[in-house]
Amino acid sequence: MVRHYAGVGSALSGKRFGAIPAPVLFVLSGISMYAGAAIAVDLFGHASPSGVAWLRCLGAAVVLLLWRRPPRAAWRGKRLLLAGTFGVVTAGMNVVFYEAIARLPLGTVVALEFAGPVVVAAIGSRTRRDLIALVLVAAGVVAIADVRLAGSPLGVVFALAAAAAWAGYIVLGKRVAIGGDGLDSLAVGFVVATVVLSPLVLGTAQVWSSPRMLLLGIGVGVLSTVVPYALDQVVLRRLGQARFAVLLALLPVTATVVGFLVLAQVPSIVEAVGTLGVVAGVALRSRDDGPVPEPPG
């Protein structure tokens, strides 16, 4: 039986969420994340990509603080250090991702970024079946993304930085989850990240003169950060780190579906085959019924 930890909050760790399969939670997380991305695109005309990422962090911090009101203990010692590191890594991941998609096609960035979780999943694998599943997922993601090597070298650097940050998010997110702090740590982490990355506010000058733009910034924080990362905390408590990383591959599948329904982006045959590869890999991945493992390192 999977171990349970206190801290995420009864609204998220209750029986209703416990009965929802992890892939479904990831689809819900992806829908929320890409809805926030659509709002972020609107903000790109009024702020730099890094500035939009900082607004996303600020919005998440404000909402989480009002919701959770972390106790004093969450602002001291090791809890503060872990939460702050997690928040900075997560916010940094958003910054480099936004900078990457400002220079390269989204598909290329997604393919490069998935190097992070795929590597984490490979490290956590134990059986041949797991490795085959990882190969299917990796091949499917590359096919969906339709990788194009031509483009901005700086964009590639940002995308690879996003991959490294994503791997760090998985490892640190696991530590936060098993530490029992849950959303309180998320709140503290995003406050720390907002302060540490505050120089990025220079790229948001136009936004502060428009209440609508500020509201959109908060909306990006809620849809792209609070909701999906809260769901991640629920799933991280139930699954091993390697399986969590593989399930992240559902995100490009969700993006394909959202793109088709919202933006009328019809996937090519290669992208459709890639989607099937990802789904097959997730289905093949061995079930993790044991205790939640400690993260490596």
C-alpha atoms as a PDB file:
ATOM      1  CA  MET A   1       0.000   0.000   0.000  1.00  0.00           C
ATOM      2  CA  VAL A   2       1.276   3.452  -0.866  1.00  0.00           C
ATOM      3  CA  ARG A   3       2.196   5.521   2.148  1.00  0.00           C
ATOM      4  CA  HIS A   4       0.134   8.616   2.877  1.00  0.00           C
ATOM      5  CA  TYR A   5       1.552  11.898   4.160  1.00  0.00           C
ATOM      6  CA  ALA A   6      -0.173  14.887   5.677  1.00  0.00           C
ATOM      7  CA  GLY A   7       0.177  18.380   4.315  1.00  0.00           C
ATOM      8  CA  VAL A   8      -1.308  18.713   0.877  1.00  0.00           C
ATOM      9  CA  GLY A   9      -4.693  19.637   2.271  1.00  0.00           C
ATOM     10  CA  SER A  10      -7.901  17.711   2.702  1.00  0.00           C
ATOM     11  CA  ALA A  11      -9.419  19.201  -0.449  1.00  0.00           C
ATOM     12  CA  LEU A  12      -6.710  17.606  -2.585  1.00  0.00           C
ATOM     13  CA  SER A  13      -5.771  14.477  -0.648  1.00  0.00           C
ATOM     14  CA  GLY A  14      -9.287  13.289   0.107  1.00  0.00           C
ATOM     15  CA  LYS A  15     -10.892  10.091  -1.131  1.00  0.00           C
ATOM     16  CA  ARG A  16     -12.382  11.727  -4.197  1.00  0.00           C
ATOM     17  CA  PHE A  17      -8.955  12.598  -5.593  1.00  0.00           C
ATOM     18  CA  GLY A  18      -7.542   9.287  -4.397  1.00  0.00           C
ATOM     19  CA  ALA A  19     -10.039   7.445  -6.587  1.00  0.00           C
ATOM     20  CA  ILE A  20      -9.060   9.322  -9.757  1.00  0.00           C
ATOM     21  CA  PRO A  21      -6.412   7.479 -11.830  1.00  0.00           C
ATOM     22  CA  ALA A  22      -3.074   9.268 -12.103  1.00  0.00           C
ATOM     23  CA  PRO A  23      -3.278   9.625 -15.915  1.00  0.00           C
ATOM     24  CA  VAL A  24      -6.618  11.417 -15.551  1.00  0.00           C
ATOM     25  CA  LEU A  25      -5.106  13.819 -13.010  1.00  0.00           C
ATOM     26  CA  PHE A  26      -2.307  14.533 -15.467  1.00  0.00           C
ATOM     27  CA  VAL A  27      -4.764  15.265 -18.253  1.00  0.00           C
ATOM     28  CA  LEU A  28      -6.607  17.712 -15.977  1.00  0.00           C
ATOM     29  CA  SER A  29      -3.266  19.232 -15.042  1.00  0.00           C
ATOM     30  CA  GLY A  30      -2.286  19.573 -18.701  1.00  0.00           C
ATOM     31  CA  ILE A  31      -5.569  21.202 -19.684  1.00  0.00           C
ATOM     32  CA  SER A  32      -5.143  23.787 -16.941  1.00  0.00           C
ATOM     33  CA  MET A  33      -1.503  24.357 -17.848  1.00  0.00           C
ATOM     34  CA  TYR A  34      -2.169  24.934 -21.539  1.00  0.00           C
ATOM     35  CA  ALA A  35      -5.125  27.194 -20.802  1.00  0.00           C
ATOM     36  CA  GLY A  36      -2.684  29.301 -18.798  1.00  0.00           C
ATOM     37  CA  ALA A  37      -0.208  29.154 -21.682  1.00  0.00           C
ATOM     38  CA  ALA A  38      -2.853  30.590 -23.990  1.00  0.00           C
ATOM     39  CA  ILE A  39      -3.221  33.554 -21.635  1.00  0.00           C
ATOM     40  CA  ALA A  40       0.565  33.916 -21.447  1.00  0.00           C
ATOM     41  CA  VAL A  41       0.734  34.239 -25.233  1.00  0.00           C
ATOM     42  CA  ASP A  42      -1.574  37.253 -24.953  1.00  0.00           C
ATOM     43  CA  LEU A  43       0.764  38.773 -22.371  1.00  0.00           C
ATOM     44  CA  PHE A  44       3.845  38.346 -24.577  1.00  0.00           C
ATOM     45  CA  GLY A  45       2.825  41.482 -26.450  1.00  0.00           C
ATOM     46  CA  HIS A  46       3.004  43.528 -23.248  1.00  0.00           C
ATOM     47  CA  ALA A  47       5.903  41.951 -21.335  1.00  0.00           C
ATOM     48  CA  SER A  48       9.081  40.005 -22.003  1.00  0.00           C
ATOM     49  CA  PRO A  49       8.867  36.191 -21.823  1.00  0.00           C
ATOM     50  CA  SER A  50      10.881  36.246 -18.587  1.00  0.00           C
ATOM     51  CA  GLY A  51       8.638  38.990 -17.252  1.00  0.00           C
ATOM     52  CA  VAL A  52       5.539  36.903 -17.983  1.00  0.00           C
ATOM     53  CA  ALA A  53       7.145  33.974 -16.152  1.00  0.00           C
ATOM     54  CA  TRP A  54       7.784  36.249 -13.155  1.00  0.00           C
ATOM     55  CA  LEU A  55       4.158  37.428 -13.202  1.00  0.00           C
ATOM     56  CA  ARG A  56       3.113  33.783 -13.254  1.00  0.00           C
ATOM     57  CA  CYS A  57       5.257  33.171 -10.179  1.00  0.00           C
ATOM     58  CA  LEU A  58       3.896  36.266  -8.426  1.00  0.00           C
ATOM     59  CA  GLY A  59       0.297  35.284  -9.144  1.00  0.00           C
ATOM     60  CA  ALA A  60       0.871  31.773  -7.824  1.00  0.00           C
ATOM     61  CA  ALA A  61       2.565  33.094  -4.677  1.00  0.00           C
ATOM     62  CA  VAL A  62      -0.279  35.512  -3.891  1.00  0.00           C
ATOM     63  CA  VAL A  63      -3.021  32.927  -4.417  1.00  0.00           C
ATOM     64  CA  LEU A  64      -1.221  30.209  -2.457  1.00  0.00           C
ATOM     65  CA  LEU A  65      -0.462  32.558   0.440  1.00  0.00           C
ATOM     66  CA  LEU A  66      -4.093  33.640   0.705  1.00  0.00           C
ATOM     67  CA  TRP A  67      -5.252  30.045   0.457  1.00  0.00           C
ATOM     68  CA  ARG A  68      -2.741  28.177   2.635  1.00  0.00           C
ATOM     69  CA  ARG A  69      -1.361  30.783   5.075  1.00  0.00           C
ATOM     70  CA  PRO A  70       1.731  28.674   5.894  1.00  0.00           C
ATOM     71  CA  PRO A  71       2.637  28.423   9.615  1.00  0.00           C
ATOM     72  CA  ARG A  72       5.765  30.075  11.008  1.00  0.00           C
ATOM     73  CA  ALA A  73       7.603  26.756  11.020  1.00  0.00           C
ATOM     74  CA  ALA A  74       7.377  26.669   7.226  1.00  0.00           C
ATOM     75  CA  TRP A  75       9.490  29.834   7.057  1.00  0.00           C
ATOM     76  CA  ARG A  76      12.429  28.490   9.050  1.00  0.00           C
ATOM     77  CA  GLY A  77      15.347  26.082   8.775  1.00  0.00           C
ATOM     78  CA  LYS A  78      15.423  23.122   6.428  1.00  0.00           C
ATOM     79  CA  ARG A  79      11.776  23.502   5.450  1.00  0.00           C
ATOM     80  CA  LEU A  80      12.436  27.017   4.173  1.00  0.00           C
ATOM     81  CA  LEU A  81      15.611  25.921   2.364  1.00  0.00           C
ATOM     82  CA  LEU A  82      13.903  22.985   0.627  1.00  0.00           C
ATOM     83  CA  ALA A  83      10.780  24.946  -0.271  1.00  0.00           C
ATOM     84  CA  GLY A  84      12.800  27.931  -1.477  1.00  0.00           C
ATOM     85  CA  THR A  85      15.055  25.775  -3.637  1.00  0.00           C
ATOM     86  CA  PHE A  86      12.034  23.997  -5.099  1.00  0.00           C
ATOM     87  CA  GLY A  87      10.320  27.307  -5.823  1.00  0.00           C
ATOM     88  CA  VAL A  88      13.363  28.858  -7.507  1.00  0.00           C
ATOM     89  CA  VAL A  89      13.978  25.759  -9.649  1.00  0.00           C
ATOM     90  CA  THR A  90      10.309  25.631 -10.664  1.00  0.00           C
ATOM     91  CA  ALA A  91      10.112  29.342 -11.464  1.00  0.00           C
ATOM     92  CA  GLY A  92      13.435  29.136 -13.289  1.00  0.00           C
ATOM     93  CA  MET A  93      12.035  26.284 -15.356  1.00  0.00           C
ATOM     94  CA  ASN A  94       9.160  28.530 -16.409  1.00  0.00           C
ATOM     95  CA  VAL A  95      11.509  31.398 -17.261  1.00  0.00           C
ATOM     96  CA  VAL A  96      13.793  29.399 -19.549  1.00  0.00           C
ATOM     97  CA  PHE A  97      10.816  27.628 -21.139  1.00  0.00           C
ATOM     98  CA  TYR A  98       9.157  30.928 -22.042  1.00  0.00           C
ATOM     99  CA  GLU A  99      12.464  32.264 -23.370  1.00  0.00           C
ATOM    100  CA  ALA A 100      12.876  29.107 -25.463  1.00  0.00           C
ATOM    101  CA  ILE A 101       9.435  29.249 -27.073  1.00  0.00           C
ATOM    102  CA  ALA A 102      10.093  32.896 -27.908  1.00  0.00           C
ATOM    103  CA  ARG A 103      12.973  31.705 -30.130  1.00  0.00           C
ATOM    104  CA  LEU A 104      12.074  28.196 -31.315  1.00  0.00           C
ATOM    105  CA  PRO A 105       8.901  26.397 -32.395  1.00  0.00           C
ATOM    106  CA  LEU A 106       6.960  25.028 -29.452  1.00  0.00           C
ATOM    107  CA  GLY A 107       7.286  21.455 -30.714  1.00  0.00           C
ATOM    108  CA  THR A 108      11.072  21.662 -30.791  1.00  0.00           C
ATOM    109  CA  VAL A 109      11.216  23.062 -27.283  1.00  0.00           C
ATOM    110  CA  VAL A 110       8.873  20.402 -25.916  1.00  0.00           C
ATOM    111  CA  ALA A 111      10.954  17.622 -27.459  1.00  0.00           C
ATOM    112  CA  LEU A 112      14.176  19.006 -26.010  1.00  0.00           C
ATOM    113  CA  GLU A 113      12.575  19.700 -22.637  1.00  0.00           C
ATOM    114  CA  PHE A 114      11.395  16.119 -22.283  1.00  0.00           C
ATOM    115  CA  ALA A 115      15.018  15.003 -22.085  1.00  0.00           C
ATOM    116  CA  GLY A 116      14.797  15.927 -18.389  1.00  0.00           C
ATOM    117  CA  PRO A 117      11.924  13.709 -17.198  1.00  0.00           C
ATOM    118  CA  VAL A 118      12.945  10.886 -19.543  1.00  0.00           C
ATOM    119  CA  VAL A 119      16.413  10.793 -17.958  1.00  0.00           C
ATOM    120  CA  VAL A 120      14.860  10.766 -14.466  1.00  0.00           C
ATOM    121  CA  ALA A 121      12.583   7.908 -15.506  1.00  0.00           C
ATOM    122  CA  ALA A 122      15.530   5.967 -16.952  1.00  0.00           C
ATOM    123  CA  ILE A 123      17.465   6.336 -13.706  1.00  0.00           C
ATOM    124  CA  GLY A 124      14.487   5.032 -11.740  1.00  0.00           C
ATOM    125  CA  SER A 125      13.761   2.062 -14.012  1.00  0.00           C
ATOM    126  CA  ARG A 126      14.175  -1.485 -12.728  1.00  0.00           C
ATOM    127  CA  THR A 127      12.890  -3.858 -15.426  1.00  0.00           C
ATOM    128  CA  ARG A 128      13.199  -4.441 -19.155  1.00  0.00           C
ATOM    129  CA  ARG A 129       9.507  -3.613 -19.458  1.00  0.00           C
ATOM    130  CA  ASP A 130      10.179  -0.208 -17.940  1.00  0.00           C
ATOM    131  CA  LEU A 131      12.986   0.485 -20.388  1.00  0.00           C
ATOM    132  CA  ILE A 132      10.834  -0.498 -23.380  1.00  0.00           C
ATOM    133  CA  ALA A 133       8.119   1.837 -22.083  1.00  0.00           C
ATOM    134  CA  LEU A 134      10.654   4.654 -21.829  1.00  0.00           C
ATOM    135  CA  VAL A 135      11.820   4.041 -25.397  1.00  0.00           C
ATOM    136  CA  LEU A 136       8.216   4.189 -26.616  1.00  0.00           C
ATOM    137  CA  VAL A 137       7.569   7.401 -24.683  1.00  0.00           C
ATOM    138  CA  ALA A 138      10.774   9.055 -25.887  1.00  0.00           C
ATOM    139  CA  ALA A 139      10.118   8.075 -29.504  1.00  0.00           C
ATOM    140  CA  GLY A 140       6.509   9.223 -29.255  1.00  0.00           C
ATOM    141  CA  VAL A 141       7.441  12.601 -27.800  1.00  0.00           C
ATOM    142  CA  VAL A 142      10.030  13.189 -30.533  1.00  0.00           C
ATOM    143  CA  ALA A 143       7.465  12.292 -33.191  1.00  0.00           C
ATOM    144  CA  ILE A 144       4.803  14.553 -31.682  1.00  0.00           C
ATOM    145  CA  ALA A 145       7.228  17.442 -31.414  1.00  0.00           C
ATOM    146  CA  ASP A 146       8.454  17.056 -35.017  1.00  0.00           C
ATOM    147  CA  VAL A 147      11.891  18.186 -33.968  1.00  0.00           C
ATOM    148  CA  ARG A 148      13.664  20.668 -36.190  1.00  0.00           C
ATOM    149  CA  LEU A 149      17.342  21.152 -35.471  1.00  0.00           C
ATOM    150  CA  ALA A 150      17.518  24.448 -37.338  1.00  0.00           C
ATOM    151  CA  GLY A 151      16.789  27.499 -35.236  1.00  0.00           C
ATOM    152  CA  SER A 152      18.241  29.798 -32.648  1.00  0.00           C
ATOM    153  CA  PRO A 153      21.242  28.290 -30.795  1.00  0.00           C
ATOM    154  CA  LEU A 154      20.289  30.387 -27.780  1.00  0.00           C
ATOM    155  CA  GLY A 155      16.793  28.933 -27.950  1.00  0.00           C
ATOM    156  CA  VAL A 156      18.270  25.426 -27.826  1.00  0.00           C
ATOM    157  CA  VAL A 157      20.301  26.415 -24.761  1.00  0.00           C
ATOM    158  CA  PHE A 158      17.156  27.702 -23.047  1.00  0.00           C
ATOM    159  CA  ALA A 159      15.253  24.528 -23.961  1.00  0.00           C
ATOM    160  CA  LEU A 160      17.996  22.275 -22.559  1.00  0.00           C
ATOM    161  CA  ALA A 161      18.068  24.426 -19.425  1.00  0.00           C
ATOM    162  CA  ALA A 162      14.331  23.843 -19.127  1.00  0.00           C
ATOM    163  CA  ALA A 163      14.973  20.095 -19.409  1.00  0.00           C
ATOM    164  CA  ALA A 164      17.501  20.228 -16.568  1.00  0.00           C
ATOM    165  CA  ALA A 165      15.156  22.331 -14.453  1.00  0.00           C
ATOM    166  CA  TRP A 166      12.291  19.922 -15.144  1.00  0.00           C
ATOM    167  CA  ALA A 167      14.422  17.013 -13.890  1.00  0.00           C
ATOM    168  CA  GLY A 168      15.231  19.047 -10.785  1.00  0.00           C
ATOM    169  CA  TYR A 169      11.538  19.805 -10.306  1.00  0.00           C
ATOM    170  CA  ILE A 170      10.726  16.073 -10.277  1.00  0.00           C
ATOM    171  CA  VAL A 171      13.425  15.250  -7.721  1.00  0.00           C
ATOM    172  CA  LEU A 172      12.754  18.252  -5.466  1.00  0.00           C
ATOM    173  CA  GLY A 173       8.990  17.881  -5.856  1.00  0.00           C
ATOM    174  CA  LYS A 174       9.267  14.339  -4.539  1.00  0.00           C
ATOM    175  CA  ARG A 175      11.168  15.563  -1.492  1.00  0.00           C
ATOM    176  CA  VAL A 176       8.548  18.220  -0.853  1.00  0.00           C
ATOM    177  CA  ALA A 177       5.765  15.660  -1.195  1.00  0.00           C
ATOM    178  CA  ILE A 178       7.243  13.101   1.194  1.00  0.00           C
ATOM    179  CA  GLY A 179       8.221  15.865   3.614  1.00  0.00           C
ATOM    180  CA  GLY A 180       4.543  16.393   4.397  1.00  0.00           C
ATOM    181  CA  ASP A 181       4.513  20.119   3.622  1.00  0.00           C
ATOM    182  CA  GLY A 182       2.621  19.970   0.329  1.00  0.00           C
ATOM    183  CA  LEU A 183       0.984  23.205  -0.729  1.00  0.00           C
ATOM    184  CA  ASP A 184       2.409  25.112   2.246  1.00  0.00           C
ATOM    185  CA  SER A 185       5.865  24.474   0.813  1.00  0.00           C
ATOM    186  CA  LEU A 186       4.639  25.484  -2.636  1.00  0.00           C
ATOM    187  CA  ALA A 187       3.416  28.779  -1.188  1.00  0.00           C
ATOM    188  CA  VAL A 188       6.700  29.452   0.586  1.00  0.00           C
ATOM    189  CA  GLY A 189       8.703  28.342  -2.437  1.00  0.00           C
ATOM    190  CA  PHE A 190       6.965  30.683  -4.850  1.00  0.00           C
ATOM    191  CA  VAL A 191       7.307  33.596  -2.433  1.00  0.00           C
ATOM    192  CA  VAL A 192      11.055  32.956  -2.269  1.00  0.00           C
ATOM    193  CA  ALA A 193      11.238  32.573  -6.056  1.00  0.00           C
ATOM    194  CA  THR A 194       9.303  35.817  -6.594  1.00  0.00           C
ATOM    195  CA  VAL A 195      11.838  37.680  -4.457  1.00  0.00           C
ATOM    196  CA  VAL A 196      14.922  35.983  -5.918  1.00  0.00           C
ATOM    197  CA  LEU A 197      13.759  36.578  -9.501  1.00  0.00           C
ATOM    198  CA  SER A 198      12.429  40.081  -8.813  1.00  0.00           C
ATOM    199  CA  PRO A 199      14.864  41.749 -11.293  1.00  0.00           C
ATOM    200  CA  LEU A 200      12.690  40.220 -14.036  1.00  0.00           C
ATOM    201  CA  VAL A 201       9.988  42.718 -13.083  1.00  0.00           C
ATOM    202  CA  LEU A 202      11.825  45.174 -15.350  1.00  0.00           C
ATOM    203  CA  GLY A 203      10.324  43.323 -18.299  1.00  0.00           C
ATOM    204  CA  THR A 204       6.746  43.915 -17.109  1.00  0.00           C
ATOM    205  CA  ALA A 205       6.559  47.729 -17.175  1.00  0.00           C
ATOM    206  CA  GLN A 206       3.532  47.947 -19.471  1.00  0.00           C
ATOM    207  CA  VAL A 207       1.531  45.442 -17.439  1.00  0.00           C
ATOM    208  CA  TRP A 208       1.382  47.538 -14.259  1.00  0.00           C
ATOM    209  CA  SER A 209      -0.606  50.277 -15.998  1.00  0.00           C
ATOM    210  CA  SER A 210      -3.365  47.845 -16.979  1.00  0.00           C
ATOM    211  CA  PRO A 211      -5.572  46.131 -14.360  1.00  0.00           C
ATOM    212  CA  ARG A 212      -6.624  43.663 -17.053  1.00  0.00           C
ATOM    213  CA  MET A 213      -3.026  42.638 -17.715  1.00  0.00           C
ATOM    214  CA  LEU A 214      -2.376  42.207 -13.995  1.00  0.00           C
ATOM    215  CA  LEU A 215      -5.476  40.041 -13.700  1.00  0.00           C
ATOM    216  CA  LEU A 216      -4.299  37.950 -16.631  1.00  0.00           C
ATOM    217  CA  GLY A 217      -0.921  37.536 -14.925  1.00  0.00           C
ATOM    218  CA  ILE A 218      -2.627  36.196 -11.812  1.00  0.00           C
ATOM    219  CA  GLY A 219      -4.725  33.934 -14.030  1.00  0.00           C
ATOM    220  CA  VAL A 220      -1.578  32.482 -15.603  1.00  0.00           C
ATOM    221  CA  GLY A 221      -0.241  31.777 -12.106  1.00  0.00           C
ATOM    222  CA  VAL A 222      -3.398  29.958 -11.070  1.00  0.00           C
ATOM    223  CA  LEU A 223      -3.962  27.953 -14.244  1.00  0.00           C
ATOM    224  CA  SER A 224      -0.346  27.148 -15.104  1.00  0.00           C
ATOM    225  CA  THR A 225       1.103  26.836 -11.606  1.00  0.00           C
ATOM    226  CA  VAL A 226      -1.310  26.443  -8.688  1.00  0.00           C
ATOM    227  CA  VAL A 227      -3.668  23.891 -10.238  1.00  0.00           C
ATOM    228  CA  PRO A 228      -1.189  21.630 -12.104  1.00  0.00           C
ATOM    229  CA  TYR A 229       1.488  21.683  -9.401  1.00  0.00           C
ATOM    230  CA  ALA A 230      -1.083  20.968  -6.696  1.00  0.00           C
ATOM    231  CA  LEU A 231      -2.236  17.957  -8.706  1.00  0.00           C
ATOM    232  CA  ASP A 232       1.409  16.933  -9.115  1.00  0.00           C
ATOM    233  CA  GLN A 233       1.771  16.853  -5.343  1.00  0.00           C
ATOM    234  CA  VAL A 234      -1.203  14.490  -5.092  1.00  0.00           C
ATOM    235  CA  VAL A 235       0.241  12.143  -7.704  1.00  0.00           C
ATOM    236  CA  LEU A 236       3.795  12.288  -6.326  1.00  0.00           C
ATOM    237  CA  ARG A 237       2.485  10.899  -3.034  1.00  0.00           C
ATOM    238  CA  ARG A 238       0.952   7.927  -4.801  1.00  0.00           C
ATOM    239  CA  LEU A 239       3.548   7.028  -7.413  1.00  0.00           C
ATOM    240  CA  GLY A 240       7.234   6.322  -7.652  1.00  0.00           C
ATOM    241  CA  GLN A 241       9.451   9.042  -9.081  1.00  0.00           C
ATOM    242  CA  ALA A 242      10.163   7.100 -12.287  1.00  0.00           C
ATOM    243  CA  ARG A 243       6.492   6.461 -13.070  1.00  0.00           C
ATOM    244  CA  PHE A 244       5.698  10.105 -12.347  1.00  0.00           C
ATOM    245  CA  ALA A 245       8.290  11.144 -14.924  1.00  0.00           C
ATOM    246  CA  VAL A 246       6.811   8.799 -17.534  1.00  0.00           C
ATOM    247  CA  LEU A 247       3.278  10.077 -16.900  1.00  0.00           C
ATOM    248  CA  LEU A 248       4.530  13.575 -17.625  1.00  0.00           C
ATOM    249  CA  ALA A 249       4.677  12.391 -21.226  1.00  0.00           C
ATOM    250  CA  LEU A 250       0.893  12.732 -21.251  1.00  0.00           C
ATOM    251  CA  LEU A 251       1.360  16.495 -21.363  1.00  0.00           C
ATOM    252  CA  PRO A 252       2.295  16.695 -25.071  1.00  0.00           C
ATOM    253  CA  VAL A 253      -0.622  14.365 -25.797  1.00  0.00           C
ATOM    254  CA  THR A 254      -2.904  16.758 -23.940  1.00  0.00           C
ATOM    255  CA  ALA A 255      -1.347  19.662 -25.843  1.00  0.00           C
ATOM    256  CA  THR A 256      -2.115  17.914 -29.136  1.00  0.00           C
ATOM    257  CA  VAL A 257      -5.756  17.441 -28.138  1.00  0.00           C
ATOM    258  CA  VAL A 258      -6.086  21.022 -26.873  1.00  0.00           C
ATOM    259  CA  GLY A 259      -4.442  22.317 -30.040  1.00  0.00           C
ATOM    260  CA  PHE A 260      -6.910  20.374 -32.175  1.00  0.00           C
ATOM    261  CA  LEU A 261     -10.006  21.440 -30.213  1.00  0.00           C
ATOM    262  CA  VAL A 262      -9.089  25.052 -29.462  1.00  0.00           C
ATOM    263  CA  LEU A 263      -6.712  26.071 -32.244  1.00  0.00           C
ATOM    264  CA  ALA A 264      -7.876  23.696 -35.004  1.00  0.00           C
ATOM    265  CA  GLN A 265      -4.348  22.281 -35.282  1.00  0.00           C
ATOM    266  CA  VAL A 266      -4.776  18.912 -36.999  1.00  0.00           C
ATOM    267  CA  PRO A 267      -1.884  16.563 -36.129  1.00  0.00           C
ATOM    268  CA  SER A 268       0.060  14.972 -38.963  1.00  0.00           C
ATOM    269  CA  ILE A 269       0.315  11.210 -39.397  1.00  0.00           C
ATOM    270  CA  VAL A 270       3.716  11.255 -37.687  1.00  0.00           C
ATOM    271  CA  GLU A 271       2.307  13.189 -34.742  1.00  0.00           C
ATOM    272  CA  ALA A 272      -0.637  10.792 -34.485  1.00  0.00           C
ATOM    273  CA  VAL A 273       1.733   7.818 -34.451  1.00  0.00           C
ATOM    274  CA  GLY A 274       3.803   9.583 -31.816  1.00  0.00           C
ATOM    275  CA  THR A 275       0.719  10.071 -29.669  1.00  0.00           C
ATOM    276  CA  LEU A 276      -0.006   6.351 -29.860  1.00  0.00           C
ATOM    277  CA  GLY A 277       3.599   5.649 -28.888  1.00  0.00           C
ATOM    278  CA  VAL A 278       3.313   7.801 -25.784  1.00  0.00           C
ATOM    279  CA  VAL A 279       0.005   6.203 -24.782  1.00  0.00           C
ATOM    280  CA  ALA A 280       1.494   2.728 -25.323  1.00  0.00           C
ATOM    281  CA  GLY A 281       4.525   3.587 -23.215  1.00  0.00           C
ATOM    282  CA  VAL A 282       2.403   4.890 -20.358  1.00  0.00           C
ATOM    283  CA  ALA A 283       0.188   1.788 -20.508  1.00  0.00           C
ATOM    284  CA  LEU A 284       3.210  -0.525 -20.574  1.00  0.00           C
ATOM    285  CA  ARG A 285       4.952   1.132 -17.657  1.00  0.00           C
ATOM    286  CA  SER A 286       4.979  -1.316 -14.726  1.00  0.00           C
ATOM    287  CA  ARG A 287       2.579  -0.481 -11.936  1.00  0.00           C
ATOM    288  CA  ASP A 288       4.083   0.890  -8.729  1.00  0.00           C
ATOM    289  CA  ASP A 289       2.122  -0.539  -5.807  1.00  0.00           C
ATOM    290  CA  GLY A 290       4.888  -0.382  -3.265  1.00  0.00           C
ATOM    291  CA  PRO A 291       5.820   2.392  -0.833  1.00  0.00           C
ATOM    292  CA  VAL A 292       6.770   5.706  -2.328  1.00  0.00           C
ATOM    293  CA  PRO A 293      10.560   5.440  -2.806  1.00  0.00           C
ATOM    294  CA  GLU A 294      13.043   7.958  -1.539  1.00  0.00           C
ATOM    295  CA  PRO A 295      14.398  10.129  -4.330  1.00  0.00           C
ATOM    296  CA  PRO A 296      17.974   9.382  -5.445  1.00  0.00           C
ATOM    297  CA  GLY A 297      20.809  11.364  -3.986  1.00  0.00           C
END
